């Protein structure tokens, strides 16, 4: 088959990888350049530990409290927007214990499949993307978070994901080369991390060598639809005809779905990251700092600091107060690291595509014969990339899928 993939982020590129490996003629249409996708600035954490969806009890109350602090880790920009109101209503409807219980095994199995595929790629000598299996630390400093994380560790262990509750001293033992000031942490030894920039670069090179056509600056204007199928993808540079179309356009996917007559509940969650080029102390284990919801990931001798989730449409301007919140957080946990406010031009920002129930959209569009969707991964796009690509390839070919796709159905909110 000839297959067109709209979107050159990690989901689109891995879909291209597995489809091409199955022998199909694949073209990727990227709106910008492959050197500037949302995936590049990701924290790089491969997290089978993240089995609790964003839509969970208590998140709405936390979000309301955080909205009134300019440096808070979560923010929803108030605006009269029908899509945002619908998304918020659906989020509220799914922020229940019952939804979390249903979602845990689904997210666990998707994450474990993705980790397995990453391990296979890392040992194949075809791709070098800085694969490290050092686990993940969820650092906390307050009694409230200590209790919350102990509960989450219990949930993880019961779901078959190993979680260890550590004291502050045990955390320090895991980080002999960097001083850490915390009350304790939950350590997930099964997690890993990569260098996302290198992953994307290597994937682009590998796909070209495999014969995949990669086209940049292809803004999709519209679609030509006949007899319930997309016949042509119309871009600013021309028209392309494919047997099958995969939409993996991240936060811009709802705009494309609208052109196809479909309403996709999805909001862009803006996040920021920047690099600390030569940290005085070497952090070994990636960490999420619970109170600040900021992250620190060692990458290629540097340290990537990232954080915030700002629901503000597709606005990509840098909000310095949100970046300042990340900067201020680091020294509360790693007091000997010198972190200064980065220059605006050095700050990466990107939109994580967030579904209202915390599960991605992966699967066929029922109202059209030849369209498959791959988006909505929130902050776990890189973590879930290989599994998404494999499932997309299986769905496009009409093969039995490695995991059931019903929980990820693009039209589940009808």
Protein backbone atom coordinates (compact mmCIF):
# COMPACT_ATOMS: atom_id res chain seq x y z
CA UNK A 1 0.00 0.00 0.00
CA UNK A 2 0.94 3.65 -0.34
CA UNK A 3 0.62 5.27 3.07
CA UNK A 4 0.75 8.96 3.96
CA UNK A 5 1.55 9.97 7.52
CA UNK A 6 0.68 13.52 8.57
CA UNK A 7 3.07 14.56 11.35
CA UNK A 8 6.79 14.00 11.83
CA UNK A 9 6.94 13.67 15.61
CA UNK A 10 7.78 10.46 17.43
CA UNK A 11 4.38 8.82 16.80
CA UNK A 12 4.49 9.60 13.08
CA UNK A 13 8.09 8.47 12.66
CA UNK A 14 7.63 5.20 14.52
CA UNK A 15 4.45 4.52 12.51
CA UNK A 16 6.53 5.06 9.37
CA UNK A 17 9.25 2.75 10.72
CA UNK A 18 6.96 -0.22 11.37
CA UNK A 19 4.90 0.29 8.21
CA UNK A 20 7.99 0.49 6.03
CA UNK A 21 9.46 -2.55 7.75
CA UNK A 22 6.27 -4.37 6.70
CA UNK A 23 7.05 -3.47 3.08
CA UNK A 24 4.74 -0.54 2.39
CA UNK A 25 5.49 2.66 0.44
CA UNK A 26 5.48 5.37 3.13
CA UNK A 27 5.55 9.18 2.92
CA UNK A 28 5.69 11.45 5.97
CA UNK A 29 4.31 14.99 5.62
CA UNK A 30 5.67 17.32 8.31
CA UNK A 31 4.15 20.78 8.82
CA UNK A 32 7.51 22.25 9.88
CA UNK A 33 10.90 20.54 9.94
CA UNK A 34 11.97 17.24 11.42
CA UNK A 35 14.47 19.14 13.55
CA UNK A 36 11.74 21.00 15.46
CA UNK A 37 8.94 18.60 16.48
CA UNK A 38 7.33 18.54 19.92
CA UNK A 39 9.23 15.33 20.66
CA UNK A 40 12.65 17.05 20.73
CA UNK A 41 12.14 18.87 24.03
CA UNK A 42 10.59 15.93 25.86
CA UNK A 43 12.01 14.96 29.25
CA UNK A 44 13.09 11.68 27.67
CA UNK A 45 11.66 9.42 30.36
CA UNK A 46 10.43 5.94 29.42
CA UNK A 47 7.92 5.39 32.19
CA UNK A 48 6.04 2.11 32.68
CA UNK A 49 5.53 3.58 36.18
CA UNK A 50 3.05 6.14 34.81
CA UNK A 51 -0.07 4.01 35.01
CA UNK A 52 -2.38 6.57 36.62
CA UNK A 53 -4.01 8.82 33.98
CA UNK A 54 -4.03 12.61 34.25
CA UNK A 55 -7.82 12.46 34.70
CA UNK A 56 -7.83 11.21 38.30
CA UNK A 57 -9.61 12.16 41.55
CA UNK A 58 -8.22 15.35 43.06
CA UNK A 59 -6.68 16.72 39.87
CA UNK A 60 -9.45 19.28 39.31
CA UNK A 61 -9.06 20.69 42.84
CA UNK A 62 -5.27 20.86 42.40
CA UNK A 63 -5.67 22.53 39.04
CA UNK A 64 -7.97 25.22 40.46
CA UNK A 65 -5.48 25.99 43.26
CA UNK A 66 -2.54 26.12 40.83
CA UNK A 67 -4.37 28.44 38.43
CA UNK A 68 -3.89 31.36 40.78
CA UNK A 69 -0.07 31.10 40.95
CA UNK A 70 1.91 32.47 38.03
CA UNK A 71 4.75 29.97 38.57
CA UNK A 72 2.51 26.95 39.22
CA UNK A 73 3.05 23.68 37.32
CA UNK A 74 -0.47 23.55 35.85
CA UNK A 75 -2.55 26.27 34.25
CA UNK A 76 -5.68 26.52 32.14
CA UNK A 77 -5.98 29.80 30.30
CA UNK A 78 -9.61 30.94 30.81
CA UNK A 79 -11.35 31.53 27.50
CA UNK A 80 -14.78 31.10 25.98
CA UNK A 81 -14.04 28.24 23.65
CA UNK A 82 -16.48 25.43 22.85
CA UNK A 83 -13.75 22.80 22.38
CA UNK A 84 -12.09 23.71 25.70
CA UNK A 85 -15.42 23.62 27.54
CA UNK A 86 -16.20 20.19 26.11
CA UNK A 87 -12.72 18.94 26.96
CA UNK A 88 -13.06 20.23 30.53
CA UNK A 89 -16.47 18.58 30.96
CA UNK A 90 -15.12 15.25 29.71
CA UNK A 91 -12.06 15.56 31.97
CA UNK A 92 -14.36 16.17 34.95
CA UNK A 93 -16.49 13.16 34.00
CA UNK A 94 -13.44 10.88 33.88
CA UNK A 95 -11.67 12.11 37.04
CA UNK A 96 -13.04 9.17 39.03
CA UNK A 97 -11.64 6.18 40.87
CA UNK A 98 -13.52 3.86 38.50
CA UNK A 99 -11.85 5.40 35.45
CA UNK A 100 -8.41 5.16 37.06
CA UNK A 101 -8.99 1.48 37.86
CA UNK A 102 -9.94 0.76 34.24
CA UNK A 103 -7.06 2.81 32.83
CA UNK A 104 -4.23 1.33 34.94
CA UNK A 105 -3.86 -2.03 33.12
CA UNK A 106 -4.34 -0.32 29.75
CA UNK A 107 -1.54 2.21 30.33
CA UNK A 108 0.67 -0.41 31.96
CA UNK A 109 0.47 -2.80 29.01
CA UNK A 110 1.01 -0.01 26.46
CA UNK A 111 4.05 1.27 28.36
CA UNK A 112 5.58 -2.16 28.84
CA UNK A 113 5.17 -2.94 25.14
CA UNK A 114 6.88 0.34 24.29
CA UNK A 115 9.77 -0.33 26.66
CA UNK A 116 10.24 -3.80 25.17
CA UNK A 117 10.39 -2.32 21.67
CA UNK A 118 12.87 0.34 22.81
CA UNK A 119 15.08 -2.38 24.29
CA UNK A 120 14.99 -4.28 20.99
CA UNK A 121 15.91 -1.12 19.05
CA UNK A 122 18.70 -0.23 21.50
CA UNK A 123 20.34 -3.63 21.08
CA UNK A 124 19.90 -3.83 17.30
CA UNK A 125 22.81 -1.45 16.50
CA UNK A 126 20.53 0.37 14.02
CA UNK A 127 19.66 3.27 16.32
CA UNK A 128 21.70 5.01 19.02
CA UNK A 129 19.53 7.21 21.22
CA UNK A 130 21.21 7.17 24.63
CA UNK A 131 19.21 4.31 26.13
CA UNK A 132 19.81 4.02 29.91
CA UNK A 133 17.92 1.84 32.39
CA UNK A 134 18.58 3.74 35.63
CA UNK A 135 14.98 3.90 36.85
CA UNK A 136 13.05 6.97 37.99
CA UNK A 137 12.85 8.84 41.29
CA UNK A 138 9.62 10.55 42.37
CA UNK A 139 11.05 13.00 44.91
CA UNK A 140 8.91 14.58 47.63
CA UNK A 141 9.46 16.97 50.53
CA UNK A 142 6.11 17.11 52.33
CA UNK A 143 4.16 14.70 54.52
CA UNK A 144 1.11 14.99 52.25
CA UNK A 145 3.08 13.86 49.21
CA UNK A 146 4.74 11.13 51.26
CA UNK A 147 1.32 9.63 51.97
CA UNK A 148 0.14 10.14 48.38
CA UNK A 149 3.22 8.53 46.90
CA UNK A 150 3.06 5.60 49.31
CA UNK A 151 -0.46 4.97 48.01
CA UNK A 152 0.72 5.23 44.40
CA UNK A 153 3.58 2.83 45.11
CA UNK A 154 1.08 0.35 46.50
CA UNK A 155 -1.11 0.72 43.39
CA UNK A 156 1.93 0.18 41.14
CA UNK A 157 3.12 -2.91 43.00
CA UNK A 158 -0.37 -4.45 42.90
CA UNK A 159 -0.41 -3.78 39.13
CA UNK A 160 2.90 -5.60 38.69
CA UNK A 161 5.08 -2.46 38.34
CA UNK A 162 7.87 -2.52 40.93
CA UNK A 163 7.94 0.53 43.22
CA UNK A 164 10.24 1.06 46.21
CA UNK A 165 9.54 3.65 48.93
CA UNK A 166 12.88 5.23 49.94
CA UNK A 167 14.00 7.45 52.79
CA UNK A 168 15.98 10.61 52.14
CA UNK A 169 19.20 8.75 52.98
CA UNK A 170 18.38 5.93 50.55
CA UNK A 171 17.75 8.51 47.84
CA UNK A 172 21.15 10.04 48.54
CA UNK A 173 22.76 6.60 48.30
CA UNK A 174 21.38 6.32 44.73
CA UNK A 175 22.90 9.73 43.87
CA UNK A 176 26.48 9.66 45.26
CA UNK A 177 27.63 12.57 43.06
CA UNK A 178 24.83 15.07 43.74
CA UNK A 179 23.36 16.35 47.01
CA UNK A 180 19.60 15.75 47.23
CA UNK A 181 17.41 17.34 49.91
CA UNK A 182 14.14 15.42 50.18
CA UNK A 183 11.96 13.72 52.74
CA UNK A 184 11.94 10.61 50.56
CA UNK A 185 11.01 9.22 47.18
CA UNK A 186 9.39 6.39 45.33
CA UNK A 187 11.90 4.64 43.09
CA UNK A 188 10.75 2.82 39.96
CA UNK A 189 13.71 0.61 38.92
CA UNK A 190 11.98 -0.53 35.72
CA UNK A 191 11.90 2.93 34.13
CA UNK A 192 14.50 4.20 31.66
CA UNK A 193 15.51 7.33 29.79
CA UNK A 194 16.80 8.42 26.38
CA UNK A 195 18.01 11.53 24.54
CA UNK A 196 14.94 12.51 22.43
CA UNK A 197 16.83 14.84 20.08
CA UNK A 198 19.17 12.02 19.16
CA UNK A 199 16.26 9.58 18.79
CA UNK A 200 14.52 11.82 16.23
CA UNK A 201 17.74 12.46 14.32
CA UNK A 202 18.56 8.75 14.17
CA UNK A 203 15.01 7.82 13.15
CA UNK A 204 15.06 10.35 10.30
CA UNK A 205 18.37 8.96 8.99
CA UNK A 206 17.20 5.36 9.37
CA UNK A 207 13.87 6.01 7.63
CA UNK A 208 15.58 7.65 4.66
CA UNK A 209 17.91 4.67 4.38
CA UNK A 210 14.86 2.39 4.43
CA UNK A 211 13.31 4.31 1.54
CA UNK A 212 10.69 6.34 3.39
CA UNK A 213 9.91 9.70 1.75
CA UNK A 214 10.20 12.52 4.32
CA UNK A 215 8.76 15.89 3.25
CA UNK A 216 9.05 19.07 5.31
CA UNK A 217 7.01 22.30 5.34
CA UNK A 218 3.87 20.50 4.20
CA UNK A 219 0.93 22.37 5.70
CA UNK A 220 -2.26 20.38 5.10
CA UNK A 221 -4.97 22.68 3.76
CA UNK A 222 -7.74 20.16 3.16
CA UNK A 223 -8.66 16.67 2.03
CA UNK A 224 -10.42 15.34 -1.05
CA UNK A 225 -12.95 12.72 0.07
CA UNK A 226 -14.76 10.29 -2.20
CA UNK A 227 -16.94 7.32 -1.26
CA UNK A 228 -15.99 7.51 2.41
CA UNK A 229 -12.23 7.60 1.82
CA UNK A 230 -9.54 10.25 1.61
CA UNK A 231 -8.42 10.32 -2.02
CA UNK A 232 -5.99 13.23 -1.78
CA UNK A 233 -4.21 15.15 0.93
CA UNK A 234 -4.04 18.77 -0.20
CA UNK A 235 -1.04 20.71 1.11
CA UNK A 236 0.38 24.16 0.40
CA UNK A 237 2.84 22.58 -2.04
CA UNK A 238 0.56 20.15 -3.86
CA UNK A 239 -1.79 17.16 -3.69
CA UNK A 240 -0.79 13.66 -2.57
CA UNK A 241 -2.73 10.47 -3.17
CA UNK A 242 -2.47 7.53 -0.73
CA UNK A 243 -4.24 4.23 -0.12
CA UNK A 244 -4.16 4.86 3.64
CA UNK A 245 -3.66 8.02 5.74
CA UNK A 246 -2.32 8.22 9.30
CA UNK A 247 -2.95 11.44 11.25
CA UNK A 248 -0.22 11.90 13.86
CA UNK A 249 -0.22 15.69 14.05
CA UNK A 250 -0.09 16.08 17.83
CA UNK A 251 -1.94 19.10 19.21
CA UNK A 252 -2.96 20.14 15.68
CA UNK A 253 -4.84 16.88 15.06
CA UNK A 254 -8.28 18.35 16.00
CA UNK A 255 -7.89 20.92 13.23
CA UNK A 256 -7.33 18.15 10.70
CA UNK A 257 -10.15 16.05 12.12
CA UNK A 258 -12.46 19.06 11.76
CA UNK A 259 -11.65 19.14 8.04
CA UNK A 260 -12.81 15.53 7.96
CA UNK A 261 -16.06 16.41 9.73
CA UNK A 262 -15.03 14.95 13.10
CA UNK A 263 -14.82 16.61 16.52
CA UNK A 264 -11.77 15.31 18.41
CA UNK A 265 -11.61 16.30 22.10
CA UNK A 266 -7.96 17.26 22.54
CA UNK A 267 -6.10 20.24 24.00
CA UNK A 268 -2.46 21.25 23.65
CA UNK A 269 -0.65 21.23 27.00
CA UNK A 270 2.28 23.58 26.66
CA UNK A 271 5.48 22.54 28.38
CA UNK A 272 8.97 24.00 28.59
CA UNK A 273 12.46 22.56 28.83
CA UNK A 274 16.04 23.81 28.73
CA UNK A 275 19.48 22.31 29.06
CA UNK A 276 22.03 22.76 31.82
CA UNK A 277 25.19 22.21 29.71
CA UNK A 278 27.78 21.44 32.38
CA UNK A 279 26.16 20.69 35.74
CA UNK A 280 28.56 20.90 38.67
CA UNK A 281 27.14 17.67 40.04
CA UNK A 282 26.26 14.64 37.95
CA UNK A 283 22.72 13.38 38.46
CA UNK A 284 22.47 9.68 37.60
CA UNK A 285 18.77 8.87 38.02
CA UNK A 286 16.06 10.91 36.26
CA UNK A 287 13.72 12.55 38.74
CA UNK A 288 10.29 14.12 38.97
CA UNK A 289 10.05 16.71 41.75
CA UNK A 290 6.53 16.21 43.04
CA UNK A 291 5.78 19.52 44.69
CA UNK A 292 7.02 21.46 41.66
CA UNK A 293 5.98 18.93 38.98
CA UNK A 294 9.36 19.61 37.36
CA UNK A 295 11.75 17.01 35.95
CA UNK A 296 15.51 16.52 35.69
CA UNK A 297 16.97 14.05 33.18
CA UNK A 298 20.67 13.43 32.47
CA UNK A 299 21.31 13.52 28.73
CA UNK A 300 24.61 13.16 26.94
CA UNK A 301 26.64 14.76 29.75
CA UNK A 302 24.08 17.54 30.19
CA UNK A 303 20.95 17.91 32.29
CA UNK A 304 17.52 18.59 30.81
CA UNK A 305 15.15 20.47 33.10
CA UNK A 306 11.49 20.47 32.13
CA UNK A 307 8.02 21.07 33.45
CA UNK A 308 4.60 22.76 33.47
CA UNK A 309 1.36 21.87 31.73
CA UNK A 310 -0.32 24.97 30.35
CA UNK A 311 -3.65 24.46 28.57
CA UNK A 312 -3.67 27.52 26.34
CA UNK A 313 -4.79 26.43 22.88
CA UNK A 314 -2.02 26.36 20.28
CA UNK A 315 -0.27 29.46 21.63
CA UNK A 316 3.48 28.79 21.52
CA UNK A 317 4.92 31.94 23.08
CA UNK A 318 7.22 31.47 26.10
CA UNK A 319 5.70 32.49 29.43
CA UNK A 320 8.74 33.43 31.56
CA UNK A 321 6.86 32.92 34.83
CA UNK A 322 6.30 29.26 34.00
CA UNK A 323 10.00 28.83 33.18
CA UNK A 324 10.90 30.63 36.41
CA UNK A 325 8.84 28.08 38.31
CA UNK A 326 11.05 25.29 36.92
CA UNK A 327 14.25 27.21 37.75
CA UNK A 328 13.14 27.92 41.32
CA UNK A 329 12.16 24.31 41.90
CA UNK A 330 15.52 22.73 41.10
CA UNK A 331 17.49 24.16 43.99
CA UNK A 332 14.87 23.04 46.50
CA UNK A 333 15.84 19.47 45.62
CA UNK A 334 19.42 19.77 44.33
CA UNK A 335 20.82 22.70 46.35
CA UNK A 336 24.35 22.55 44.92
CA UNK A 337 23.29 22.90 41.28
CA UNK A 338 23.65 26.39 39.84
CA UNK A 339 20.55 27.02 37.73
CA UNK A 340 19.86 30.47 36.34
CA UNK A 341 16.94 31.79 34.34
CA UNK A 342 17.72 30.78 30.74
CA UNK A 343 17.56 33.20 27.83
CA UNK A 344 14.15 33.00 26.16
CA UNK A 345 15.63 31.89 22.83
CA UNK A 346 17.22 28.85 24.49
CA UNK A 347 13.96 27.64 26.03
CA UNK A 348 12.20 24.86 24.15
CA UNK A 349 8.43 24.90 24.25
CA UNK A 350 6.01 22.45 22.76
CA UNK A 351 2.38 21.37 22.90
CA UNK A 352 1.65 17.94 24.35
CA UNK A 353 -1.60 16.62 22.89
CA UNK A 354 -3.83 15.89 25.90
CA UNK A 355 -6.99 13.80 25.68
CA UNK A 356 -9.63 14.41 28.37
CA UNK A 357 -9.36 10.91 29.87
CA UNK A 358 -5.55 10.59 29.83
CA UNK A 359 -5.50 7.80 27.23
CA UNK A 360 -4.12 8.30 23.73
CA UNK A 361 -6.07 8.05 20.49
CA UNK A 362 -4.80 5.08 18.49
CA UNK A 363 -6.87 3.33 15.84
CA UNK A 364 -9.06 3.52 12.77
CA UNK A 365 -11.63 6.26 12.17
CA UNK A 366 -14.91 4.39 11.73
CA UNK A 367 -16.58 7.02 9.57
CA UNK A 368 -13.79 6.88 6.97
CA UNK A 369 -12.39 3.80 5.28
CA UNK A 370 -8.71 4.67 5.16
CA UNK A 371 -7.83 6.90 8.13
CA UNK A 372 -5.94 5.92 11.30
CA UNK A 373 -5.27 8.27 14.22
CA UNK A 374 -2.20 8.40 16.49
CA UNK A 375 -2.19 11.29 18.97
CA UNK A 376 -3.32 12.32 22.47
CA UNK A 377 -0.38 10.90 24.42
CA UNK A 378 -0.04 13.92 26.71
CA UNK A 379 3.38 14.06 28.32
CA UNK A 380 4.20 10.44 27.36
CA UNK A 381 4.52 10.76 23.59
CA UNK A 382 8.18 9.72 23.51
CA UNK A 383 7.64 7.03 26.14
CA UNK A 384 4.82 5.44 24.13
CA UNK A 385 6.24 6.09 20.65
CA UNK A 386 7.34 2.60 19.54
CA UNK A 387 4.19 0.88 20.84
CA UNK A 388 2.04 3.48 19.10
CA UNK A 389 3.90 2.98 15.83
CA UNK A 390 3.57 -0.79 15.99
CA UNK A 391 -0.16 -0.66 16.82
CA UNK A 392 -0.77 1.85 14.02
CA UNK A 393 1.05 -0.38 11.54
CA UNK A 394 -1.01 -3.39 12.61
CA UNK A 395 -4.28 -1.45 12.43
CA UNK A 396 -3.53 0.02 9.00
CA UNK A 397 -2.79 -3.45 7.63
CA UNK A 398 -5.91 -4.95 9.21
CA UNK A 399 -3.84 -7.37 11.28
CA UNK A 400 -4.61 -8.52 14.84
CA UNK A 401 -3.11 -5.85 17.11
CA UNK A 402 -0.55 -6.53 19.84
CA UNK A 403 -2.93 -4.88 22.34
CA UNK A 404 -6.70 -4.28 22.22
CA UNK A 405 -7.40 -0.87 20.66
CA UNK A 406 -10.89 -0.33 22.10
CA UNK A 407 -9.65 1.81 25.05
CA UNK A 408 -7.86 4.10 22.56
CA UNK A 409 -10.73 4.40 20.05
CA UNK A 410 -10.70 7.88 18.41
CA UNK A 411 -14.51 8.11 18.56
CA UNK A 412 -14.95 6.92 22.16
CA UNK A 413 -16.49 10.22 23.28
CA UNK A 414 -19.42 10.25 20.85
